[in-house]
Amino acid sequence: MLSIENITKTYQSRAGSLPVLTRVNLEVRRGELCALTGASGSGKTTLMNLIGLLDRPDEGTIRLDDTDTATLHESGVAVLRNRLIGFVFQSFHLLPRLSALDNVALPLLYRGMAKASRRSLAAAALKRVGLAARAAHHPEEMSGGQRQRVAIARALVGEPSLLLADEPTGNLDSHAADDIMALFLALNRDIGVTILIVTHDPTIAARCPRRIVMHDGRVRDDNRGILRDAVCLL
């Protein structure tokens, strides 16, 4: 599903070069649910942006579904991103003037899909996340947890192979965060979507079958099953 080989990323600033990722190697199999965790500045968000094709590495290779993304022009990157990847963000990024239904349908507009078809698929996505009854509601009429469910439905509506979630529980209270994490687990189990969650919260990471720990731009620990001290010490 996802193959990362010797990825390096350095940012330039007035103070000089700032290495963020150094020779990162990672394989994610289809159907896995992974936490990507680590302290602030460890490189996890930068790595997420590279995986999501929102930025390009300085060196190394990223393959998605056996496609070497380095060979793609910007138009090809946009097509691959729209077809394969769904994004969920900490701040929801819902459009306030649109209903939940139309927020969810928005990615399908960029595929040239007819309005009736977009809305039908959006309604099905809202039902999957338990918000069918809120389809006509606007973001300000919903709780934070409900808004994040709408954002997850929007990420799923195009049937992506890979779901990337960047601190998806960061703006939620503990009860809503538990509900959202339960939803990710159910989606992974029921439809088999591959999910990568960036989180600094060890309790969220502990619920993921696989935990990848970043430290100083490198993978410090990568484990499935038993929670290790590397996660607990964050």
Protein backbone atom coordinates (compact mmCIF):
# COMPACT_ATOMS: atom_id res chain seq x y z
CA MET A 1 0.00 0.00 0.00
CA LEU A 2 2.68 2.48 1.12
CA SER A 3 6.45 2.17 0.76
CA ILE A 4 8.89 4.84 1.97
CA GLU A 5 12.59 4.46 1.24
CA ASN A 6 15.36 6.72 2.58
CA ILE A 7 13.22 9.85 2.77
CA THR A 8 15.06 13.05 3.69
CA LYS A 9 13.53 16.51 4.11
CA THR A 10 15.30 19.75 5.04
CA TYR A 11 13.75 23.21 5.33
CA GLN A 12 15.64 26.41 4.72
CA SER A 13 15.32 29.40 7.05
CA ARG A 14 17.21 32.59 7.78
CA ALA A 15 19.14 30.70 10.41
CA GLY A 16 20.21 28.11 7.84
CA SER A 17 19.24 24.53 7.04
CA LEU A 18 16.88 22.67 9.36
CA PRO A 19 16.88 18.87 8.86
CA VAL A 20 13.40 17.50 9.65
CA LEU A 21 13.53 13.94 8.30
CA THR A 22 16.68 11.83 7.87
CA ARG A 23 16.65 8.60 5.85
CA VAL A 24 13.21 7.43 6.97
CA ASN A 25 12.14 3.95 5.86
CA LEU A 26 8.63 2.63 6.39
CA GLU A 27 6.23 0.06 4.96
CA VAL A 28 2.48 0.12 5.61
CA ARG A 29 0.45 -2.85 4.47
CA ARG A 30 -3.04 -2.57 3.05
CA GLY A 31 -5.65 -2.64 5.82
CA GLU A 32 -3.36 -1.59 8.67
CA LEU A 33 -4.35 0.97 11.31
CA CYS A 34 -1.24 2.81 12.49
CA ALA A 35 -0.46 5.57 14.95
CA LEU A 36 2.37 7.89 13.95
CA THR A 37 3.46 9.46 17.20
CA GLY A 38 6.31 11.39 18.79
CA ALA A 39 7.15 14.62 20.56
CA SER A 40 6.59 18.02 18.95
CA GLY A 41 9.25 18.59 16.30
CA SER A 42 9.94 14.88 15.81
CA GLY A 43 8.96 15.06 12.11
CA LYS A 44 5.64 13.23 12.21
CA THR A 45 3.55 15.97 10.57
CA THR A 46 6.20 16.54 7.89
CA LEU A 47 6.16 12.82 7.15
CA MET A 48 2.36 12.87 6.98
CA ASN A 49 2.49 15.75 4.48
CA LEU A 50 4.94 13.84 2.29
CA ILE A 51 2.81 10.68 2.39
CA GLY A 52 -0.25 12.77 1.52
CA LEU A 53 1.58 14.30 -1.46
CA LEU A 54 1.16 17.79 -0.03
CA ASP A 55 4.94 18.23 -0.20
CA ARG A 56 7.88 16.47 -1.83
CA PRO A 57 10.97 14.95 -0.20
CA ASP A 58 14.46 16.20 -0.98
CA GLU A 59 15.66 12.63 -1.39
CA GLY A 60 14.17 9.15 -1.32
CA THR A 61 11.16 7.38 -2.75
CA ILE A 62 7.48 7.25 -1.81
CA ARG A 63 5.34 4.60 -3.51
CA LEU A 64 1.57 4.51 -3.24
CA ASP A 65 -0.15 1.47 -4.73
CA ASP A 66 3.11 0.68 -6.56
CA THR A 67 3.25 4.15 -8.12
CA ASP A 68 6.53 6.00 -7.68
CA THR A 69 5.23 9.47 -6.82
CA ALA A 70 8.54 11.11 -7.80
CA THR A 71 7.77 10.37 -11.46
CA LEU A 72 4.50 12.31 -11.40
CA HIS A 73 3.97 15.90 -12.54
CA GLU A 74 1.76 18.14 -10.41
CA SER A 75 -1.39 17.18 -12.32
CA GLY A 76 -0.62 13.49 -11.81
CA VAL A 77 0.02 14.07 -8.12
CA ALA A 78 -3.37 15.81 -7.80
CA VAL A 79 -5.15 12.93 -9.53
CA LEU A 80 -3.44 10.30 -7.38
CA ARG A 81 -4.13 12.24 -4.20
CA ASN A 82 -7.81 12.67 -5.06
CA ARG A 83 -8.22 9.00 -6.01
CA LEU A 84 -6.23 7.26 -3.26
CA ILE A 85 -6.08 9.50 -0.19
CA GLY A 86 -8.62 10.90 2.25
CA PHE A 87 -7.62 13.58 4.76
CA VAL A 88 -8.93 14.33 8.26
CA PHE A 89 -7.58 17.38 10.12
CA GLN A 90 -7.63 18.59 13.71
CA SER A 91 -9.62 21.72 12.81
CA PHE A 92 -12.23 19.92 10.68
CA HIS A 93 -11.97 22.41 7.74
CA LEU A 94 -15.71 22.35 7.04
CA LEU A 95 -17.25 25.16 4.99
CA PRO A 96 -19.68 27.01 7.30
CA ARG A 97 -22.15 27.96 4.54
CA LEU A 98 -22.62 24.36 3.40
CA SER A 99 -24.73 21.68 5.03
CA ALA A 100 -23.12 18.51 6.30
CA LEU A 101 -24.33 16.74 3.15
CA ASP A 102 -22.77 19.28 0.80
CA ASN A 103 -19.53 19.42 2.81
CA VAL A 104 -19.19 15.67 2.42
CA ALA A 105 -20.05 15.79 -1.29
CA LEU A 106 -17.46 18.47 -2.07
CA PRO A 107 -14.52 16.18 -3.04
CA LEU A 108 -16.72 14.50 -5.65
CA LEU A 109 -17.28 17.84 -7.34
CA TYR A 110 -13.60 17.83 -8.33
CA ARG A 111 -14.14 14.45 -9.99
CA GLY A 112 -16.80 15.95 -12.25
CA MET A 113 -19.59 13.87 -10.74
CA ALA A 114 -23.21 14.96 -11.21
CA LYS A 115 -24.91 16.66 -8.24
CA ALA A 116 -27.46 13.91 -7.64
CA SER A 117 -24.75 11.25 -7.57
CA ARG A 118 -22.56 13.35 -5.28
CA ARG A 119 -25.37 13.81 -2.80
CA SER A 120 -26.35 10.14 -2.88
CA LEU A 121 -22.80 9.04 -2.04
CA ALA A 122 -22.48 11.78 0.58
CA ALA A 123 -25.68 10.61 2.27
CA ALA A 124 -24.31 7.06 2.40
CA ALA A 125 -21.02 8.32 3.92
CA LEU A 126 -22.89 10.27 6.59
CA LYS A 127 -24.92 7.19 7.42
CA ARG A 128 -21.71 5.18 7.81
CA VAL A 129 -20.40 7.61 10.44
CA GLY A 130 -23.76 7.76 12.25
CA LEU A 131 -24.88 11.22 11.14
CA ALA A 132 -27.63 10.55 8.61
CA ALA A 133 -30.04 12.62 10.69
CA ARG A 134 -27.69 15.63 10.57
CA ALA A 135 -27.35 15.85 6.79
CA ALA A 136 -29.14 19.21 6.53
CA HIS A 137 -27.38 20.79 9.51
CA HIS A 138 -24.58 23.32 9.17
CA PRO A 139 -21.28 23.04 11.10
CA GLU A 140 -22.26 25.64 13.75
CA GLU A 141 -25.29 23.51 14.62
CA MET A 142 -23.14 20.51 15.54
CA SER A 143 -20.81 19.56 18.37
CA GLY A 144 -17.07 19.15 17.84
CA GLY A 145 -17.38 15.38 17.71
CA GLN A 146 -20.17 15.60 15.14
CA ARG A 147 -18.13 18.01 13.01
CA GLN A 148 -15.23 15.57 13.03
CA ARG A 149 -17.58 12.77 11.96
CA VAL A 150 -18.66 14.93 9.02
CA ALA A 151 -14.99 15.50 8.18
CA ILE A 152 -14.36 11.75 8.30
CA ALA A 153 -17.37 11.13 6.04
CA ARG A 154 -15.95 13.69 3.60
CA ALA A 155 -12.60 11.88 3.65
CA LEU A 156 -14.33 8.55 2.97
CA VAL A 157 -16.81 9.60 0.30
CA GLY A 158 -14.36 9.05 -2.56
CA GLU A 159 -13.55 5.52 -1.31
CA PRO A 160 -9.82 6.16 -0.72
CA SER A 161 -7.35 3.36 -0.12
CA LEU A 162 -5.51 5.40 2.53
CA LEU A 163 -6.97 7.65 5.23
CA LEU A 164 -4.58 10.19 6.79
CA ALA A 165 -5.70 11.79 10.06
CA ASP A 166 -3.61 14.62 11.55
CA GLU A 167 -4.35 14.97 15.30
CA PRO A 168 -8.05 14.16 14.66
CA THR A 169 -8.93 14.25 18.37
CA GLY A 170 -6.85 17.31 19.26
CA ASN A 171 -9.83 19.69 19.51
CA LEU A 172 -12.16 17.25 21.26
CA ASP A 173 -12.91 16.41 24.88
CA SER A 174 -12.01 12.93 26.12
CA HIS A 175 -15.48 11.46 25.54
CA ALA A 176 -15.70 12.74 21.96
CA ALA A 177 -12.09 11.64 21.33
CA ASP A 178 -12.96 8.11 22.46
CA ASP A 179 -15.96 8.07 20.11
CA ILE A 180 -13.88 9.22 17.14
CA MET A 181 -11.20 6.62 17.86
CA ALA A 182 -13.89 3.94 18.08
CA LEU A 183 -15.16 5.09 14.69
CA PHE A 184 -11.68 4.76 13.14
CA LEU A 185 -11.39 1.24 14.54
CA ALA A 186 -14.81 0.31 13.16
CA LEU A 187 -14.05 1.73 9.71
CA ASN A 188 -10.76 -0.14 9.58
CA ARG A 189 -12.48 -3.36 10.62
CA ASP A 190 -15.62 -3.03 8.49
CA ILE A 191 -14.37 -1.61 5.19
CA GLY A 192 -10.65 -2.38 5.44
CA VAL A 193 -9.43 1.14 4.75
CA THR A 194 -5.76 1.70 5.64
CA ILE A 195 -5.52 4.41 8.33
CA LEU A 196 -2.52 6.41 9.54
CA ILE A 197 -3.20 8.66 12.53
CA VAL A 198 -0.74 11.35 13.63
CA THR A 199 -1.15 11.87 17.37
CA HIS A 200 0.84 13.07 20.36
CA ASP A 201 -1.66 11.40 22.72
CA PRO A 202 -0.34 8.05 24.02
CA THR A 203 -3.87 6.90 24.93
CA ILE A 204 -4.96 7.30 21.30
CA ALA A 205 -1.78 5.62 20.04
CA ALA A 206 -2.31 2.72 22.43
CA ARG A 207 -5.61 1.85 20.73
CA CYS A 208 -3.92 1.40 17.35
CA PRO A 209 -2.68 -2.09 16.42
CA ARG A 210 0.58 -0.59 15.16
CA ARG A 211 2.50 2.32 16.69
CA ILE A 212 5.31 4.11 14.84
CA VAL A 213 7.33 6.45 17.04
CA MET A 214 9.27 9.38 15.53
CA HIS A 215 12.23 11.00 17.26
CA ASP A 216 14.52 13.70 15.80
CA GLY A 217 13.41 12.99 12.25
CA ARG A 218 13.83 9.22 12.39
CA VAL A 219 11.69 6.19 13.20
CA ARG A 220 12.66 5.38 16.79
CA ASP A 221 10.29 2.47 17.34
CA ASP A 222 7.82 0.51 15.24
CA ASN A 223 5.72 -2.16 16.85
CA ARG A 224 2.49 -4.09 16.58
CA GLY A 225 0.55 -5.48 19.50
CA ILE A 226 2.21 -4.83 22.87
CA LEU A 227 2.67 -1.18 23.84
CA ARG A 228 6.32 -0.35 24.46
CA ASP A 229 7.96 2.21 26.75
CA ALA A 230 8.92 4.33 23.73
CA VAL A 231 5.28 5.34 23.36
CA CYS A 232 4.63 5.73 27.08
CA LEU A 233 7.57 8.10 27.52
CA LEU A 234 6.23 10.69 25.05
